[in-house]
């Protein structure tokens, strides 16, 4: 669970601005690479079950095709994810493996694909209202495991901003949720 939350925080660091995203129905109906900017940045996040502040920091590689995502919390070593752009997709990995194809450029609402042992679905566009800003965000879910204990992660990405919300449902065990905080 904490590793997944770390991924969320890392993705949040990918965010580069606080302005609302353009209306996806007016020109962004499909997934695109601008959902996870690979620019140096940091963004605050809050866990809905733990008030300790978190920061998602993005450290792009010199090649521009990958970035290190770091979820930082006081008193705890940072958790790291690697994001890689390849063949019109963004893959997220917690280690040396290829990872999961989380963003597939050109995918339309309802499209589903298998990657990294997960079933990934672009659920569509959803308005995400946070304390000080509202985003039109792409909602992407991943599923892994057998029925009854299936792990479901739901990611919301705003174009040009990055990760704005992440929910991890660990079957019948627990639910975690990170949301982008106002600066």
Protein backbone atom coordinates (compact mmCIF):
# COMPACT_ATOMS: atom_id res chain seq x y z
CA UNK A 1 0.00 0.00 0.00
CA UNK A 2 2.75 2.43 0.95
CA UNK A 3 4.60 1.58 -2.27
CA UNK A 4 1.50 2.44 -4.24
CA UNK A 5 1.06 5.66 -2.33
CA UNK A 6 4.65 6.44 -3.10
CA UNK A 7 3.84 6.04 -6.77
CA UNK A 8 1.03 8.49 -6.36
CA UNK A 9 3.20 11.01 -4.66
CA UNK A 10 5.82 10.60 -7.33
CA UNK A 11 3.27 11.20 -10.03
CA UNK A 12 2.05 14.27 -8.24
CA UNK A 13 5.54 15.68 -8.52
CA UNK A 14 5.08 15.51 -12.26
CA UNK A 15 2.55 18.27 -12.03
CA UNK A 16 3.78 21.56 -13.41
CA UNK A 17 1.01 24.00 -12.70
CA UNK A 18 -2.14 24.69 -10.76
CA UNK A 19 -4.37 26.03 -13.50
CA UNK A 20 -7.37 23.93 -14.48
CA UNK A 21 -6.94 21.74 -17.53
CA UNK A 22 -8.81 22.50 -20.73
CA UNK A 23 -12.15 20.80 -21.19
CA UNK A 24 -11.33 17.37 -22.65
CA UNK A 25 -14.57 17.33 -24.61
CA UNK A 26 -13.36 20.43 -26.46
CA UNK A 27 -10.23 18.90 -27.97
CA UNK A 28 -8.61 16.31 -25.71
CA UNK A 29 -10.91 13.27 -25.94
CA UNK A 30 -8.04 10.77 -26.04
CA UNK A 31 -5.06 10.11 -23.79
CA UNK A 32 -1.93 12.09 -24.59
CA UNK A 33 1.64 12.34 -23.36
CA UNK A 34 0.99 15.73 -21.70
CA UNK A 35 -0.90 13.93 -18.92
CA UNK A 36 2.44 13.28 -17.19
CA UNK A 37 4.90 16.10 -17.89
CA UNK A 38 8.55 15.09 -17.52
CA UNK A 39 9.68 18.46 -16.17
CA UNK A 40 11.49 19.17 -12.92
CA UNK A 41 8.79 19.97 -10.39
CA UNK A 42 7.36 19.25 -6.99
CA UNK A 43 3.77 19.22 -5.77
CA UNK A 44 2.23 18.77 -2.33
CA UNK A 45 -0.15 15.84 -1.68
CA UNK A 46 -2.31 14.79 1.22
CA UNK A 47 -3.34 11.28 2.22
CA UNK A 48 -7.02 11.27 3.19
CA UNK A 49 -6.23 8.92 6.12
CA UNK A 50 -2.97 10.52 7.34
CA UNK A 51 -2.51 14.30 7.64
CA UNK A 52 1.30 14.16 7.29
CA UNK A 53 2.26 16.26 4.22
CA UNK A 54 3.87 14.58 1.25
CA UNK A 55 5.69 15.96 -1.75
CA UNK A 56 5.84 14.41 -5.16
CA UNK A 57 9.04 15.47 -6.88
CA UNK A 58 9.88 14.88 -10.54
CA UNK A 59 13.49 14.58 -11.68
CA UNK A 60 13.69 14.25 -15.47
CA UNK A 61 16.59 12.34 -17.04
CA UNK A 62 18.83 14.13 -19.52
CA UNK A 63 17.43 12.00 -22.37
CA UNK A 64 13.92 13.44 -21.85
CA UNK A 65 12.45 9.93 -22.18
CA UNK A 66 12.41 9.04 -18.50
CA UNK A 67 12.01 10.62 -15.10
CA UNK A 68 12.48 9.69 -11.49
CA UNK A 69 9.40 10.25 -9.35
CA UNK A 70 10.03 10.65 -5.64
CA UNK A 71 7.38 10.63 -2.94
CA UNK A 72 8.83 12.38 0.07
CA UNK A 73 7.61 12.52 3.66
CA UNK A 74 9.42 13.89 6.71
CA UNK A 75 11.35 11.23 8.60
CA UNK A 76 10.91 8.50 5.96
CA UNK A 77 13.27 7.66 3.10
CA UNK A 78 11.74 8.77 -0.23
CA UNK A 79 9.88 6.19 -2.28
CA UNK A 80 10.88 6.06 -5.92
CA UNK A 81 9.16 5.25 -9.19
CA UNK A 82 10.55 5.40 -12.68
CA UNK A 83 8.43 6.78 -15.52
CA UNK A 84 9.52 5.99 -19.07
CA UNK A 85 8.11 7.19 -22.38
CA UNK A 86 8.27 4.64 -25.15
CA UNK A 87 6.30 4.06 -28.35
CA UNK A 88 3.59 6.59 -27.49
CA UNK A 89 3.06 5.29 -23.95
CA UNK A 90 4.14 6.07 -20.41
CA UNK A 91 5.30 3.10 -18.30
CA UNK A 92 5.58 3.28 -14.51
CA UNK A 93 7.92 1.00 -12.60
CA UNK A 94 9.03 0.60 -9.01
CA UNK A 95 12.20 -1.26 -9.98
CA UNK A 96 14.23 -2.51 -12.91
CA UNK A 97 11.32 -4.19 -14.70
CA UNK A 98 9.58 -2.55 -17.66
CA UNK A 99 6.62 -1.63 -15.50
CA UNK A 100 2.99 -1.01 -16.34
CA UNK A 101 1.84 0.88 -19.43
CA UNK A 102 -0.34 3.37 -17.58
CA UNK A 103 -0.85 6.02 -20.27
CA UNK A 104 -1.35 4.96 -23.89
CA UNK A 105 -1.46 7.96 -26.25
CA UNK A 106 -4.54 7.86 -28.45
CA UNK A 107 -6.54 5.59 -26.12
CA UNK A 108 -10.24 6.45 -25.99
CA UNK A 109 -12.65 6.16 -23.08
CA UNK A 110 -13.41 2.49 -22.51
CA UNK A 111 -10.16 1.18 -24.04
CA UNK A 112 -8.54 -1.62 -22.01
CA UNK A 113 -5.11 -3.28 -22.29
CA UNK A 114 -3.00 -5.77 -20.33
CA UNK A 115 0.39 -4.64 -19.02
CA UNK A 116 2.74 -5.64 -16.23
CA UNK A 117 0.28 -8.19 -14.84
CA UNK A 118 -2.50 -5.61 -14.66
CA UNK A 119 -5.61 -4.83 -16.68
CA UNK A 120 -5.51 -1.09 -17.45
CA UNK A 121 -8.67 0.81 -18.47
CA UNK A 122 -9.07 4.40 -19.59
CA UNK A 123 -12.37 5.08 -17.83
CA UNK A 124 -12.91 8.48 -19.48
CA UNK A 125 -12.81 12.09 -18.35
CA UNK A 126 -13.97 13.22 -14.94
CA UNK A 127 -14.16 16.56 -13.18
CA UNK A 128 -11.97 16.44 -10.04
CA UNK A 129 -12.72 19.18 -7.51
CA UNK A 130 -9.97 19.79 -4.99
CA UNK A 131 -10.00 22.41 -2.22
CA UNK A 132 -8.85 25.34 -4.39
CA UNK A 133 -9.05 24.17 -8.00
CA UNK A 134 -11.06 21.94 -10.32
CA UNK A 135 -9.52 19.83 -13.08
CA UNK A 136 -10.94 17.91 -16.01
CA UNK A 137 -8.84 14.77 -15.63
CA UNK A 138 -8.31 11.48 -17.42
CA UNK A 139 -9.39 8.63 -15.13
CA UNK A 140 -7.29 5.48 -15.57
CA UNK A 141 -7.72 2.32 -13.50
CA UNK A 142 -5.52 -0.74 -13.06
CA UNK A 143 -6.69 -4.08 -11.69
CA UNK A 144 -4.68 -7.01 -10.42
CA UNK A 145 -5.49 -10.14 -8.45
CA UNK A 146 -8.38 -12.53 -8.00
CA UNK A 147 -11.99 -11.46 -7.33
CA UNK A 148 -12.63 -10.60 -3.69
CA UNK A 149 -9.06 -9.46 -3.05
CA UNK A 150 -8.49 -7.63 -6.33
CA UNK A 151 -6.30 -4.55 -6.04
CA UNK A 152 -7.68 -1.56 -7.92
CA UNK A 153 -5.71 1.62 -8.41
CA UNK A 154 -7.43 4.62 -9.94
CA UNK A 155 -5.32 7.50 -11.25
CA UNK A 156 -6.54 10.95 -12.31
CA UNK A 157 -4.22 12.98 -14.56
CA UNK A 158 -4.90 16.56 -15.69
CA UNK A 159 -3.37 17.59 -19.05
CA UNK A 160 -0.25 19.73 -18.57
CA UNK A 161 -0.45 19.28 -14.78
CA UNK A 162 0.09 15.60 -14.04
CA UNK A 163 -1.29 13.48 -11.24
CA UNK A 164 -4.03 15.17 -9.22
CA UNK A 165 -5.55 12.19 -7.39
CA UNK A 166 -4.74 8.52 -6.72
CA UNK A 167 -6.93 5.94 -5.01
CA UNK A 168 -5.66 2.47 -4.03
CA UNK A 169 -8.28 -0.11 -3.06
CA UNK A 170 -6.60 -3.22 -1.71
CA UNK A 171 -9.53 -5.60 -1.91
CA UNK A 172 -11.10 -6.12 1.48
CA UNK A 173 -7.98 -4.93 3.33
CA UNK A 174 -7.95 -1.10 3.11
CA UNK A 175 -8.31 1.94 0.87
CA UNK A 176 -5.76 4.74 0.49
CA UNK A 177 -6.28 7.99 -1.33
CA UNK A 178 -3.87 10.80 -2.17
CA UNK A 179 -5.01 14.15 -3.47
CA UNK A 180 -3.02 17.10 -4.74
CA UNK A 181 -2.97 19.82 -2.10
CA UNK A 182 -3.08 23.56 -2.63
CA UNK A 183 0.32 25.24 -2.42
